[in-house]
Amino acid sequence: PIEDIQKSSGVSLIQFNIDELEKF
């Protein structure tokens, strides 16, 4: 699950749900 996406200079910086990322 993605919590937030920041676009900077054409690059997407994705912030994941940390608990779900660690579980994965």
PDB file of all heavy atoms in Angstrom:
ATOM      1  N   PRO A   1       0.824  -1.211   0.000  1.00  0.00           N
ATOM      2  CA  PRO A   1       0.000   0.000   0.000  1.00  0.00           C
ATOM      3  C   PRO A   1       0.860   1.263   0.000  1.00  0.00           C
ATOM      4  O   PRO A   1       1.833   1.372   0.734  1.00  0.00           O
ATOM      5  CB  PRO A   1      -0.798  -0.111   1.300  1.00  0.00           C
ATOM      6  CG  PRO A   1      -0.771  -1.560   1.649  1.00  0.00           C
ATOM      7  CD  PRO A   1       0.540  -2.079   1.137  1.00  0.00           C
ATOM      8  N   ILE A   2       0.479   2.188  -0.830  1.00  0.00           N
ATOM      9  CA  ILE A   2       1.184   3.460  -0.968  1.00  0.00           C
ATOM     10  C   ILE A   2       0.427   4.523  -0.172  1.00  0.00           C
ATOM     11  O   ILE A   2      -0.779   4.670  -0.324  1.00  0.00           O
ATOM     12  CB  ILE A   2       1.299   3.861  -2.452  1.00  0.00           C
ATOM     13  CG1 ILE A   2       2.157   2.825  -3.189  1.00  0.00           C
ATOM     14  CG2 ILE A   2       1.859   5.263  -2.591  1.00  0.00           C
ATOM     15  CD1 ILE A   2       2.186   3.003  -4.699  1.00  0.00           C
ATOM     16  N   GLU A   3       1.164   5.245   0.671  1.00  0.00           N
ATOM     17  CA  GLU A   3       0.538   6.305   1.469  1.00  0.00           C
ATOM     18  C   GLU A   3       0.632   7.663   0.801  1.00  0.00           C
ATOM     19  O   GLU A   3      -0.263   8.482   0.940  1.00  0.00           O
ATOM     20  CB  GLU A   3       1.160   6.350   2.864  1.00  0.00           C
ATOM     21  CG  GLU A   3       0.797   5.127   3.683  1.00  0.00           C
ATOM     22  CD  GLU A   3       1.158   5.272   5.142  1.00  0.00           C
ATOM     23  OE1 GLU A   3       1.905   6.204   5.518  1.00  0.00           O
ATOM     24  OE2 GLU A   3       0.685   4.426   5.911  1.00  0.00           O
ATOM     25  N   ASP A   4       1.726   7.898   0.073  1.00  0.00           N
ATOM     26  CA  ASP A   4       1.903   9.207  -0.548  1.00  0.00           C
ATOM     27  C   ASP A   4       2.886   9.091  -1.698  1.00  0.00           C
ATOM     28  O   ASP A   4       3.793   8.252  -1.668  1.00  0.00           O
ATOM     29  CB  ASP A   4       2.434  10.208   0.491  1.00  0.00           C
ATOM     30  CG  ASP A   4       2.423  11.643  -0.016  1.00  0.00           C
ATOM     31  OD1 ASP A   4       1.510  12.000  -0.803  1.00  0.00           O
ATOM     32  OD2 ASP A   4       3.332  12.414   0.351  1.00  0.00           O
ATOM     33  N   ILE A   5       2.683   9.940  -2.709  1.00  0.00           N
ATOM     34  CA  ILE A   5       3.612  10.021  -3.836  1.00  0.00           C
ATOM     35  C   ILE A   5       3.952  11.492  -4.046  1.00  0.00           C
ATOM     36  O   ILE A   5       3.063  12.324  -4.203  1.00  0.00           O
ATOM     37  CB  ILE A   5       3.007   9.438  -5.130  1.00  0.00           C
ATOM     38  CG1 ILE A   5       2.661   7.969  -4.941  1.00  0.00           C
ATOM     39  CG2 ILE A   5       3.982   9.628  -6.294  1.00  0.00           C
ATOM     40  CD1 ILE A   5       1.958   7.339  -6.138  1.00  0.00           C
ATOM     41  N   GLN A   6       5.235  11.793  -4.009  1.00  0.00           N
ATOM     42  CA  GLN A   6       5.733  13.138  -4.273  1.00  0.00           C
ATOM     43  C   GLN A   6       6.461  13.108  -5.605  1.00  0.00           C
ATOM     44  O   GLN A   6       7.283  12.229  -5.833  1.00  0.00           O
ATOM     45  CB  GLN A   6       6.710  13.574  -3.178  1.00  0.00           C
ATOM     46  CG  GLN A   6       6.144  13.558  -1.783  1.00  0.00           C
ATOM     47  CD  GLN A   6       5.270  14.758  -1.513  1.00  0.00           C
ATOM     48  OE1 GLN A   6       5.554  15.847  -1.981  1.00  0.00           O
ATOM     49  NE2 GLN A   6       4.205  14.545  -0.764  1.00  0.00           N
ATOM     50  N   LYS A   7       6.162  14.053  -6.474  1.00  0.00           N
ATOM     51  CA  LYS A   7       6.870  14.143  -7.748  1.00  0.00           C
ATOM     52  C   LYS A   7       7.867  15.283  -7.653  1.00  0.00           C
ATOM     53  O   LYS A   7       7.535  16.387  -7.257  1.00  0.00           O
ATOM     54  CB  LYS A   7       5.889  14.373  -8.885  1.00  0.00           C
ATOM     55  CG  LYS A   7       4.912  13.221  -9.018  1.00  0.00           C
ATOM     56  CD  LYS A   7       4.661  12.880 -10.421  1.00  0.00           C
ATOM     57  CE  LYS A   7       3.726  11.680 -10.419  1.00  0.00           C
ATOM     58  NZ  LYS A   7       3.726  10.941 -11.579  1.00  0.00           N
ATOM     59  N   SER A   8       9.109  14.948  -8.004  1.00  0.00           N
ATOM     60  CA  SER A   8      10.173  15.938  -7.951  1.00  0.00           C
ATOM     61  C   SER A   8      11.079  15.725  -9.149  1.00  0.00           C
ATOM     62  O   SER A   8      11.653  14.652  -9.308  1.00  0.00           O
ATOM     63  CB  SER A   8      10.951  15.789  -6.640  1.00  0.00           C
ATOM     64  OG  SER A   8      12.056  16.651  -6.639  1.00  0.00           O
ATOM     65  N   SER A   9      11.199  16.738  -9.979  1.00  0.00           N
ATOM     66  CA  SER A   9      12.054  16.687 -11.172  1.00  0.00           C
ATOM     67  C   SER A   9      11.730  15.466 -12.037  1.00  0.00           C
ATOM     68  O   SER A   9      12.624  14.792 -12.528  1.00  0.00           O
ATOM     69  CB  SER A   9      13.531  16.668 -10.770  1.00  0.00           C
ATOM     70  OG  SER A   9      13.841  17.782  -9.990  1.00  0.00           O
ATOM     71  N   GLY A  10      10.443  15.173 -12.176  1.00  0.00           N
ATOM     72  CA  GLY A  10      10.023  14.052 -13.018  1.00  0.00           C
ATOM     73  C   GLY A  10      10.174  12.682 -12.387  1.00  0.00           C
ATOM     74  O   GLY A  10       9.920  11.678 -13.026  1.00  0.00           O
ATOM     75  N   VAL A  11      10.602  12.637 -11.127  1.00  0.00           N
ATOM     76  CA  VAL A  11      10.790  11.365 -10.427  1.00  0.00           C
ATOM     77  C   VAL A  11       9.730  11.249  -9.343  1.00  0.00           C
ATOM     78  O   VAL A  11       9.487  12.206  -8.602  1.00  0.00           O
ATOM     79  CB  VAL A  11      12.205  11.287  -9.797  1.00  0.00           C
ATOM     80  CG1 VAL A  11      12.359  10.031  -8.968  1.00  0.00           C
ATOM     81  CG2 VAL A  11      13.268  11.373 -10.872  1.00  0.00           C
ATOM     82  N   SER A  12       9.097  10.091  -9.264  1.00  0.00           N
ATOM     83  CA  SER A  12       8.107   9.840  -8.220  1.00  0.00           C
ATOM     84  C   SER A  12       8.801   9.273  -6.990  1.00  0.00           C
ATOM     85  O   SER A  12       9.512   8.277  -7.082  1.00  0.00           O
ATOM     86  CB  SER A  12       7.055   8.843  -8.705  1.00  0.00           C
ATOM     87  OG  SER A  12       6.307   9.395  -9.753  1.00  0.00           O
ATOM     88  N   LEU A  13       8.573   9.917  -5.866  1.00  0.00           N
ATOM     89  CA  LEU A  13       9.081   9.427  -4.588  1.00  0.00           C
ATOM     90  C   LEU A  13       7.895   8.835  -3.841  1.00  0.00           C
ATOM     91  O   LEU A  13       6.976   9.553  -3.450  1.00  0.00           O
ATOM     92  CB  LEU A  13       9.723  10.560  -3.795  1.00  0.00           C
ATOM     93  CG  LEU A  13      10.860  11.297  -4.512  1.00  0.00           C
ATOM     94  CD1 LEU A  13      11.282  12.529  -3.727  1.00  0.00           C
ATOM     95  CD2 LEU A  13      12.028  10.365  -4.726  1.00  0.00           C
ATOM     96  N   ILE A  14       7.923   7.527  -3.666  1.00  0.00           N
ATOM     97  CA  ILE A  14       6.779   6.817  -3.109  1.00  0.00           C
ATOM     98  C   ILE A  14       7.016   6.533  -1.635  1.00  0.00           C
ATOM     99  O   ILE A  14       8.062   6.034  -1.248  1.00  0.00           O
ATOM    100  CB  ILE A  14       6.542   5.503  -3.879  1.00  0.00           C
ATOM    101  CG1 ILE A  14       6.235   5.815  -5.350  1.00  0.00           C
ATOM    102  CG2 ILE A  14       5.427   4.696  -3.239  1.00  0.00           C
ATOM    103  CD1 ILE A  14       6.128   4.599  -6.230  1.00  0.00           C
ATOM    104  N   GLN A  15       6.018   6.862  -0.834  1.00  0.00           N
ATOM    105  CA  GLN A  15       6.054   6.545   0.593  1.00  0.00           C
ATOM    106  C   GLN A  15       5.046   5.419   0.829  1.00  0.00           C
ATOM    107  O   GLN A  15       3.863   5.566   0.553  1.00  0.00           O
ATOM    108  CB  GLN A  15       5.678   7.759   1.423  1.00  0.00           C
ATOM    109  CG  GLN A  15       5.715   7.491   2.903  1.00  0.00           C
ATOM    110  CD  GLN A  15       5.334   8.726   3.711  1.00  0.00           C
ATOM    111  OE1 GLN A  15       5.354   9.848   3.222  1.00  0.00           O
ATOM    112  NE2 GLN A  15       4.983   8.509   4.954  1.00  0.00           N
ATOM    113  N   PHE A  16       5.554   4.291   1.335  1.00  0.00           N
ATOM    114  CA  PHE A  16       4.719   3.122   1.569  1.00  0.00           C
ATOM    115  C   PHE A  16       4.207   3.096   2.996  1.00  0.00           C
ATOM    116  O   PHE A  16       4.791   3.704   3.893  1.00  0.00           O
ATOM    117  CB  PHE A  16       5.532   1.835   1.326  1.00  0.00           C
ATOM    118  CG  PHE A  16       5.966   1.664  -0.086  1.00  0.00           C
ATOM    119  CD1 PHE A  16       7.248   2.011  -0.484  1.00  0.00           C
ATOM    120  CD2 PHE A  16       5.099   1.159  -1.034  1.00  0.00           C
ATOM    121  CE1 PHE A  16       7.651   1.868  -1.799  1.00  0.00           C
ATOM    122  CE2 PHE A  16       5.499   0.996  -2.355  1.00  0.00           C
ATOM    123  CZ  PHE A  16       6.777   1.354  -2.735  1.00  0.00           C
ATOM    124  N   ASN A  17       3.151   2.352   3.206  1.00  0.00           N
ATOM    125  CA  ASN A  17       2.728   2.011   4.556  1.00  0.00           C
ATOM    126  C   ASN A  17       3.823   1.128   5.119  1.00  0.00           C
ATOM    127  O   ASN A  17       4.042   0.017   4.629  1.00  0.00           O
ATOM    128  CB  ASN A  17       1.381   1.289   4.512  1.00  0.00           C
ATOM    129  CG  ASN A  17       0.953   0.806   5.867  1.00  0.00           C
ATOM    130  OD1 ASN A  17       1.627   0.001   6.513  1.00  0.00           O
ATOM    131  ND2 ASN A  17      -0.191   1.299   6.310  1.00  0.00           N
ATOM    132  N   ILE A  18       4.536   1.604   6.113  1.00  0.00           N
ATOM    133  CA  ILE A  18       5.738   0.923   6.597  1.00  0.00           C
ATOM    134  C   ILE A  18       5.427  -0.454   7.171  1.00  0.00           C
ATOM    135  O   ILE A  18       6.189  -1.401   6.976  1.00  0.00           O
ATOM    136  CB  ILE A  18       6.538   1.801   7.588  1.00  0.00           C
ATOM    137  CG1 ILE A  18       7.941   1.242   7.791  1.00  0.00           C
ATOM    138  CG2 ILE A  18       5.805   1.958   8.896  1.00  0.00           C
ATOM    139  CD1 ILE A  18       8.830   1.353   6.599  1.00  0.00           C
ATOM    140  N   ASP A  19       4.311  -0.596   7.867  1.00  0.00           N
ATOM    141  CA  ASP A  19       3.965  -1.902   8.437  1.00  0.00           C
ATOM    142  C   ASP A  19       3.718  -2.929   7.334  1.00  0.00           C
ATOM    143  O   ASP A  19       4.177  -4.072   7.428  1.00  0.00           O
ATOM    144  CB  ASP A  19       2.729  -1.797   9.335  1.00  0.00           C
ATOM    145  CG  ASP A  19       2.992  -0.984  10.594  1.00  0.00           C
ATOM    146  OD1 ASP A  19       4.159  -0.941  11.052  1.00  0.00           O
ATOM    147  OD2 ASP A  19       2.029  -0.394  11.122  1.00  0.00           O
ATOM    148  N   GLU A  20       3.019  -2.527   6.308  1.00  0.00           N
ATOM    149  CA  GLU A  20       2.736  -3.443   5.200  1.00  0.00           C
ATOM    150  C   GLU A  20       3.996  -3.737   4.383  1.00  0.00           C
ATOM    151  O   GLU A  20       4.185  -4.853   3.911  1.00  0.00           O
ATOM    152  CB  GLU A  20       1.631  -2.881   4.303  1.00  0.00           C
ATOM    153  CG  GLU A  20       0.273  -2.858   4.964  1.00  0.00           C
ATOM    154  CD  GLU A  20      -0.223  -4.244   5.330  1.00  0.00           C
ATOM    155  OE1 GLU A  20      -0.072  -5.186   4.520  1.00  0.00           O
ATOM    156  OE2 GLU A  20      -0.771  -4.395   6.442  1.00  0.00           O
ATOM    157  N   LEU A  21       4.859  -2.745   4.236  1.00  0.00           N
ATOM    158  CA  LEU A  21       6.117  -2.962   3.536  1.00  0.00           C
ATOM    159  C   LEU A  21       6.980  -3.961   4.302  1.00  0.00           C
ATOM    160  O   LEU A  21       7.542  -4.896   3.709  1.00  0.00           O
ATOM    161  CB  LEU A  21       6.871  -1.645   3.349  1.00  0.00           C
ATOM    162  CG  LEU A  21       8.231  -1.734   2.656  1.00  0.00           C
ATOM    163  CD1 LEU A  21       8.099  -2.285   1.239  1.00  0.00           C
ATOM    164  CD2 LEU A  21       8.909  -0.365   2.647  1.00  0.00           C
ATOM    165  N   GLU A  22       7.079  -3.803   5.606  1.00  0.00           N
ATOM    166  CA  GLU A  22       7.865  -4.741   6.409  1.00  0.00           C
ATOM    167  C   GLU A  22       7.265  -6.143   6.368  1.00  0.00           C
ATOM    168  O   GLU A  22       8.000  -7.130   6.289  1.00  0.00           O
ATOM    169  CB  GLU A  22       7.991  -4.236   7.843  1.00  0.00           C
ATOM    170  CG  GLU A  22       8.937  -3.063   7.951  1.00  0.00           C
ATOM    171  CD  GLU A  22       9.064  -2.514   9.358  1.00  0.00           C
ATOM    172  OE1 GLU A  22       8.368  -2.998  10.294  1.00  0.00           O
ATOM    173  OE2 GLU A  22       9.870  -1.581   9.533  1.00  0.00           O
ATOM    174  N   LYS A  23       5.962  -6.246   6.403  1.00  0.00           N
ATOM    175  CA  LYS A  23       5.301  -7.553   6.297  1.00  0.00           C
ATOM    176  C   LYS A  23       5.639  -8.202   4.951  1.00  0.00           C
ATOM    177  O   LYS A  23       5.957  -9.390   4.890  1.00  0.00           O
ATOM    178  CB  LYS A  23       3.785  -7.370   6.442  1.00  0.00           C
ATOM    179  CG  LYS A  23       3.000  -8.640   6.359  1.00  0.00           C
ATOM    180  CD  LYS A  23       1.515  -8.353   6.515  1.00  0.00           C
ATOM    181  CE  LYS A  23       0.695  -9.583   6.214  1.00  0.00           C
ATOM    182  NZ  LYS A  23      -0.746  -9.289   6.226  1.00  0.00           N
ATOM    183  N   PHE A  24       5.596  -7.420   3.882  1.00  0.00           N
ATOM    184  CA  PHE A  24       5.954  -7.914   2.550  1.00  0.00           C
ATOM    185  C   PHE A  24       7.394  -8.434   2.551  1.00  0.00           C
ATOM    186  O   PHE A  24       7.675  -9.529   2.067  1.00  0.00           O
ATOM    187  CB  PHE A  24       5.783  -6.780   1.529  1.00  0.00           C
ATOM    188  CG  PHE A  24       6.276  -7.108   0.152  1.00  0.00           C
ATOM    189  CD1 PHE A  24       5.471  -7.778  -0.749  1.00  0.00           C
ATOM    190  CD2 PHE A  24       7.554  -6.739  -0.255  1.00  0.00           C
ATOM    191  CE1 PHE A  24       5.921  -8.083  -2.031  1.00  0.00           C
ATOM    192  CE2 PHE A  24       8.015  -7.038  -1.529  1.00  0.00           C
ATOM    193  CZ  PHE A  24       7.189  -7.709  -2.413  1.00  0.00           C
TER     194      PHE A  24
END
